Amino acid sequence: MAETYSGEFYCVKCKAKREATGEVQVNDKGTRMAKAKCPVCGTNLNRILGKA
């Protein structure tokens, strides 16, 4: 089961903070990142959560 993150993301296209729920992934450097879609415009949202 994949870990999820529910909270605030910053949408670069809307230039506003949005509440969304996204899936947590670990990149090559070991940093945890949450990825979601903006509920208003549909742009991909990323939030860096820190080291795993």
PDB file of N, CA and C in Angstrom:
ATOM      1  N   MET A   1       0.848  -1.191   0.000  1.00  0.00           N
ATOM      2  CA  MET A   1       0.000   0.000   0.000  1.00  0.00           C
ATOM      3  C   MET A   1       0.883   1.239   0.000  1.00  0.00           C
ATOM      4  N   ALA A   2       0.605   2.158  -0.896  1.00  0.00           N
ATOM      5  CA  ALA A   2       1.401   3.375  -1.027  1.00  0.00           C
ATOM      6  C   ALA A   2       1.036   4.379   0.066  1.00  0.00           C
ATOM      7  N   GLU A   3       2.034   5.092   0.515  1.00  0.00           N
ATOM      8  CA  GLU A   3       1.829   6.134   1.522  1.00  0.00           C
ATOM      9  C   GLU A   3       1.217   7.352   0.834  1.00  0.00           C
ATOM     10  N   THR A   4       0.291   8.032   1.524  1.00  0.00           N
ATOM     11  CA  THR A   4      -0.325   9.236   0.965  1.00  0.00           C
ATOM     12  C   THR A   4      -0.052  10.425   1.868  1.00  0.00           C
ATOM     13  N   TYR A   5      -0.107  11.611   1.273  1.00  0.00           N
ATOM     14  CA  TYR A   5       0.065  12.861   2.008  1.00  0.00           C
ATOM     15  C   TYR A   5      -1.138  13.740   1.708  1.00  0.00           C
ATOM     16  N   SER A   6      -1.765  14.242   2.726  1.00  0.00           N
ATOM     17  CA  SER A   6      -2.900  15.133   2.571  1.00  0.00           C
ATOM     18  C   SER A   6      -2.557  16.452   3.241  1.00  0.00           C
ATOM     19  N   GLY A   7      -2.526  17.514   2.459  1.00  0.00           N
ATOM     20  CA  GLY A   7      -2.184  18.808   3.033  1.00  0.00           C
ATOM     21  C   GLY A   7      -2.084  19.881   1.973  1.00  0.00           C
ATOM     22  N   GLU A   8      -1.286  20.907   2.268  1.00  0.00           N
ATOM     23  CA  GLU A   8      -1.169  22.067   1.417  1.00  0.00           C
ATOM     24  C   GLU A   8      -0.049  21.922   0.403  1.00  0.00           C
ATOM     25  N   PHE A   9      -0.359  22.200  -0.850  1.00  0.00           N
ATOM     26  CA  PHE A   9       0.600  22.241  -1.942  1.00  0.00           C
ATOM     27  C   PHE A   9       0.561  23.654  -2.519  1.00  0.00           C
ATOM     28  N   TYR A  10       1.641  24.092  -3.164  1.00  0.00           N
ATOM     29  CA  TYR A  10       1.648  25.385  -3.840  1.00  0.00           C
ATOM     30  C   TYR A  10       1.521  25.147  -5.332  1.00  0.00           C
ATOM     31  N   CYS A  11       0.504  25.731  -5.955  1.00  0.00           N
ATOM     32  CA  CYS A  11       0.303  25.610  -7.398  1.00  0.00           C
ATOM     33  C   CYS A  11       1.005  26.773  -8.083  1.00  0.00           C
ATOM     34  N   VAL A  12       1.968  26.455  -8.940  1.00  0.00           N
ATOM     35  CA  VAL A  12       2.745  27.488  -9.632  1.00  0.00           C
ATOM     36  C   VAL A  12       1.888  28.197 -10.673  1.00  0.00           C
ATOM     37  N   LYS A  13       0.976  27.471 -11.301  1.00  0.00           N
ATOM     38  CA  LYS A  13       0.130  28.060 -12.339  1.00  0.00           C
ATOM     39  C   LYS A  13      -0.918  29.015 -11.741  1.00  0.00           C
ATOM     40  N   CYS A  14      -1.575  28.593 -10.667  1.00  0.00           N
ATOM     41  CA  CYS A  14      -2.587  29.429  -9.991  1.00  0.00           C
ATOM     42  C   CYS A  14      -1.941  30.476  -9.081  1.00  0.00           C
ATOM     43  N   LYS A  15      -0.682  30.225  -8.673  1.00  0.00           N
ATOM     44  CA  LYS A  15       0.037  31.075  -7.714  1.00  0.00           C
ATOM     45  C   LYS A  15      -0.722  31.168  -6.387  1.00  0.00           C
ATOM     46  N   ALA A  16      -1.190  29.995  -5.929  1.00  0.00           N
ATOM     47  CA  ALA A  16      -1.939  29.931  -4.679  1.00  0.00           C
ATOM     48  C   ALA A  16      -1.700  28.584  -4.012  1.00  0.00           C
ATOM     49  N   LYS A  17      -1.931  28.543  -2.695  1.00  0.00           N
ATOM     50  CA  LYS A  17      -1.826  27.292  -1.959  1.00  0.00           C
ATOM     51  C   LYS A  17      -3.150  26.561  -2.067  1.00  0.00           C
ATOM     52  N   ARG A  18      -3.071  25.258  -2.337  1.00  0.00           N
ATOM     53  CA  ARG A  18      -4.265  24.430  -2.507  1.00  0.00           C
ATOM     54  C   ARG A  18      -4.193  23.211  -1.603  1.00  0.00           C
ATOM     55  N   GLU A  19      -5.336  22.785  -1.099  1.00  0.00           N
ATOM     56  CA  GLU A  19      -5.443  21.547  -0.327  1.00  0.00           C
ATOM     57  C   GLU A  19      -5.624  20.399  -1.309  1.00  0.00           C
ATOM     58  N   ALA A  20      -4.793  19.367  -1.172  1.00  0.00           N
ATOM     59  CA  ALA A  20      -4.892  18.211  -2.057  1.00  0.00           C
ATOM     60  C   ALA A  20      -4.354  16.981  -1.340  1.00  0.00           C
ATOM     61  N   THR A  21      -4.648  15.816  -1.901  1.00  0.00           N
ATOM     62  CA  THR A  21      -4.131  14.554  -1.395  1.00  0.00           C
ATOM     63  C   THR A  21      -3.310  13.915  -2.498  1.00  0.00           C
ATOM     64  N   GLY A  22      -2.072  13.532  -2.139  1.00  0.00           N
ATOM     65  CA  GLY A  22      -1.185  12.967  -3.143  1.00  0.00           C
ATOM     66  C   GLY A  22      -0.429  11.761  -2.644  1.00  0.00           C
ATOM     67  N   GLU A  23       0.206  11.074  -3.575  1.00  0.00           N
ATOM     68  CA  GLU A  23       0.973   9.877  -3.287  1.00  0.00           C
ATOM     69  C   GLU A  23       2.421  10.256  -2.979  1.00  0.00           C
ATOM     70  N   VAL A  24       3.002   9.634  -1.952  1.00  0.00           N
ATOM     71  CA  VAL A  24       4.384   9.914  -1.554  1.00  0.00           C
ATOM     72  C   VAL A  24       5.314   8.982  -2.320  1.00  0.00           C
ATOM     73  N   GLN A  25       6.356   9.572  -2.929  1.00  0.00           N
ATOM     74  CA  GLN A  25       7.363   8.808  -3.661  1.00  0.00           C
ATOM     75  C   GLN A  25       8.736   9.207  -3.145  1.00  0.00           C
ATOM     76  N   VAL A  26       9.717   8.316  -3.301  1.00  0.00           N
ATOM     77  CA  VAL A  26      11.091   8.595  -2.889  1.00  0.00           C
ATOM     78  C   VAL A  26      11.925   8.708  -4.154  1.00  0.00           C
ATOM     79  N   ASN A  27      12.663   9.836  -4.316  1.00  0.00           N
ATOM     80  CA  ASN A  27      13.482  10.007  -5.506  1.00  0.00           C
ATOM     81  C   ASN A  27      14.850   9.344  -5.336  1.00  0.00           C
ATOM     82  N   ASP A  28      15.728   9.501  -6.308  1.00  0.00           N
ATOM     83  CA  ASP A  28      17.040   8.844  -6.311  1.00  0.00           C
ATOM     84  C   ASP A  28      17.928   9.270  -5.147  1.00  0.00           C
ATOM     85  N   LYS A  29      17.789  10.495  -4.691  1.00  0.00           N
ATOM     86  CA  LYS A  29      18.624  11.001  -3.586  1.00  0.00           C
ATOM     87  C   LYS A  29      18.075  10.620  -2.220  1.00  0.00           C
ATOM     88  N   GLY A  30      16.918   9.980  -2.167  1.00  0.00           N
ATOM     89  CA  GLY A  30      16.328   9.554  -0.900  1.00  0.00           C
ATOM     90  C   GLY A  30      15.369  10.562  -0.306  1.00  0.00           C
ATOM     91  N   THR A  31      15.002  11.587  -1.057  1.00  0.00           N
ATOM     92  CA  THR A  31      14.075  12.601  -0.573  1.00  0.00           C
ATOM     93  C   THR A  31      12.637  12.160  -0.843  1.00  0.00           C
ATOM     94  N   ARG A  32      11.789  12.294   0.158  1.00  0.00           N
ATOM     95  CA  ARG A  32      10.369  11.968   0.004  1.00  0.00           C
ATOM     96  C   ARG A  32       9.650  13.152  -0.623  1.00  0.00           C
ATOM     97  N   MET A  33       8.834  12.882  -1.646  1.00  0.00           N
ATOM     98  CA  MET A  33       8.073  13.926  -2.322  1.00  0.00           C
ATOM     99  C   MET A  33       6.629  13.475  -2.485  1.00  0.00           C
ATOM    100  N   ALA A  34       5.700  14.385  -2.237  1.00  0.00           N
ATOM    101  CA  ALA A  34       4.289  14.103  -2.466  1.00  0.00           C
ATOM    102  C   ALA A  34       3.906  14.702  -3.812  1.00  0.00           C
ATOM    103  N   LYS A  35       3.182  13.922  -4.610  1.00  0.00           N
ATOM    104  CA  LYS A  35       2.762  14.377  -5.931  1.00  0.00           C
ATOM    105  C   LYS A  35       1.249  14.290  -6.012  1.00  0.00           C
ATOM    106  N   ALA A  36       0.631  15.377  -6.508  1.00  0.00           N
ATOM    107  CA  ALA A  36      -0.831  15.434  -6.623  1.00  0.00           C
ATOM    108  C   ALA A  36      -1.204  16.283  -7.829  1.00  0.00           C
ATOM    109  N   LYS A  37      -2.499  16.449  -8.049  1.00  0.00           N
ATOM    110  CA  LYS A  37      -3.021  17.304  -9.114  1.00  0.00           C
ATOM    111  C   LYS A  37      -3.787  18.460  -8.475  1.00  0.00           C
ATOM    112  N   CYS A  38      -3.644  19.656  -9.067  1.00  0.00           N
ATOM    113  CA  CYS A  38      -4.369  20.833  -8.582  1.00  0.00           C
ATOM    114  C   CYS A  38      -5.860  20.629  -8.840  1.00  0.00           C
ATOM    115  N   PRO A  39      -6.706  20.805  -7.808  1.00  0.00           N
ATOM    116  CA  PRO A  39      -8.146  20.614  -7.999  1.00  0.00           C
ATOM    117  C   PRO A  39      -8.789  21.690  -8.874  1.00  0.00           C
ATOM    118  N   VAL A  40      -8.108  22.832  -9.079  1.00  0.00           N
ATOM    119  CA  VAL A  40      -8.680  23.933  -9.858  1.00  0.00           C
ATOM    120  C   VAL A  40      -8.264  23.860 -11.327  1.00  0.00           C
ATOM    121  N   CYS A  41      -6.942  23.772 -11.593  1.00  0.00           N
ATOM    122  CA  CYS A  41      -6.462  23.848 -12.976  1.00  0.00           C
ATOM    123  C   CYS A  41      -5.918  22.532 -13.519  1.00  0.00           C
ATOM    124  N   GLY A  42      -5.683  21.524 -12.660  1.00  0.00           N
ATOM    125  CA  GLY A  42      -5.218  20.226 -13.125  1.00  0.00           C
ATOM    126  C   GLY A  42      -3.716  20.095 -13.284  1.00  0.00           C
ATOM    127  N   THR A  43      -2.948  21.104 -12.883  1.00  0.00           N
ATOM    128  CA  THR A  43      -1.500  21.069 -12.975  1.00  0.00           C
ATOM    129  C   THR A  43      -0.933  20.099 -11.942  1.00  0.00           C
ATOM    130  N   ASN A  44       0.200  19.464 -12.268  1.00  0.00           N
ATOM    131  CA  ASN A  44       0.872  18.590 -11.312  1.00  0.00           C
ATOM    132  C   ASN A  44       1.434  19.413 -10.166  1.00  0.00           C
ATOM    133  N   LEU A  45       1.249  18.935  -8.930  1.00  0.00           N
ATOM    134  CA  LEU A  45       1.752  19.600  -7.742  1.00  0.00           C
ATOM    135  C   LEU A  45       2.794  18.718  -7.090  1.00  0.00           C
ATOM    136  N   ASN A  46       3.859  19.310  -6.572  1.00  0.00           N
ATOM    137  CA  ASN A  46       4.907  18.589  -5.860  1.00  0.00           C
ATOM    138  C   ASN A  46       5.156  19.273  -4.524  1.00  0.00           C
ATOM    139  N   ARG A  47       5.414  18.457  -3.513  1.00  0.00           N
ATOM    140  CA  ARG A  47       5.790  18.991  -2.208  1.00  0.00           C
ATOM    141  C   ARG A  47       6.900  18.131  -1.653  1.00  0.00           C
ATOM    142  N   ILE A  48       8.026  18.762  -1.288  1.00  0.00           N
ATOM    143  CA  ILE A  48       9.169  18.048  -0.733  1.00  0.00           C
ATOM    144  C   ILE A  48       8.924  17.844   0.755  1.00  0.00           C
ATOM    145  N   LEU A  49       9.006  16.589   1.209  1.00  0.00           N
ATOM    146  CA  LEU A  49       8.712  16.249   2.604  1.00  0.00           C
ATOM    147  C   LEU A  49       9.966  16.004   3.432  1.00  0.00           C
ATOM    148  N   GLY A  50      11.111  15.801   2.812  1.00  0.00           N
ATOM    149  CA  GLY A  50      12.343  15.560   3.557  1.00  0.00           C
ATOM    150  C   GLY A  50      12.906  14.175   3.307  1.00  0.00           C
ATOM    151  N   LYS A  51      13.965  13.850   4.006  1.00  0.00           N
ATOM    152  CA  LYS A  51      14.641  12.566   3.807  1.00  0.00           C
ATOM    153  C   LYS A  51      13.786  11.410   4.309  1.00  0.00           C
ATOM    154  N   ALA A  52      13.943  10.277   3.687  1.00  0.00           N
ATOM    155  CA  ALA A  52      13.190   9.068   4.054  1.00  0.00           C
ATOM    156  C   ALA A  52      13.770   8.427   5.290  1.00  0.00           C
TER     157      ALA A  52
END
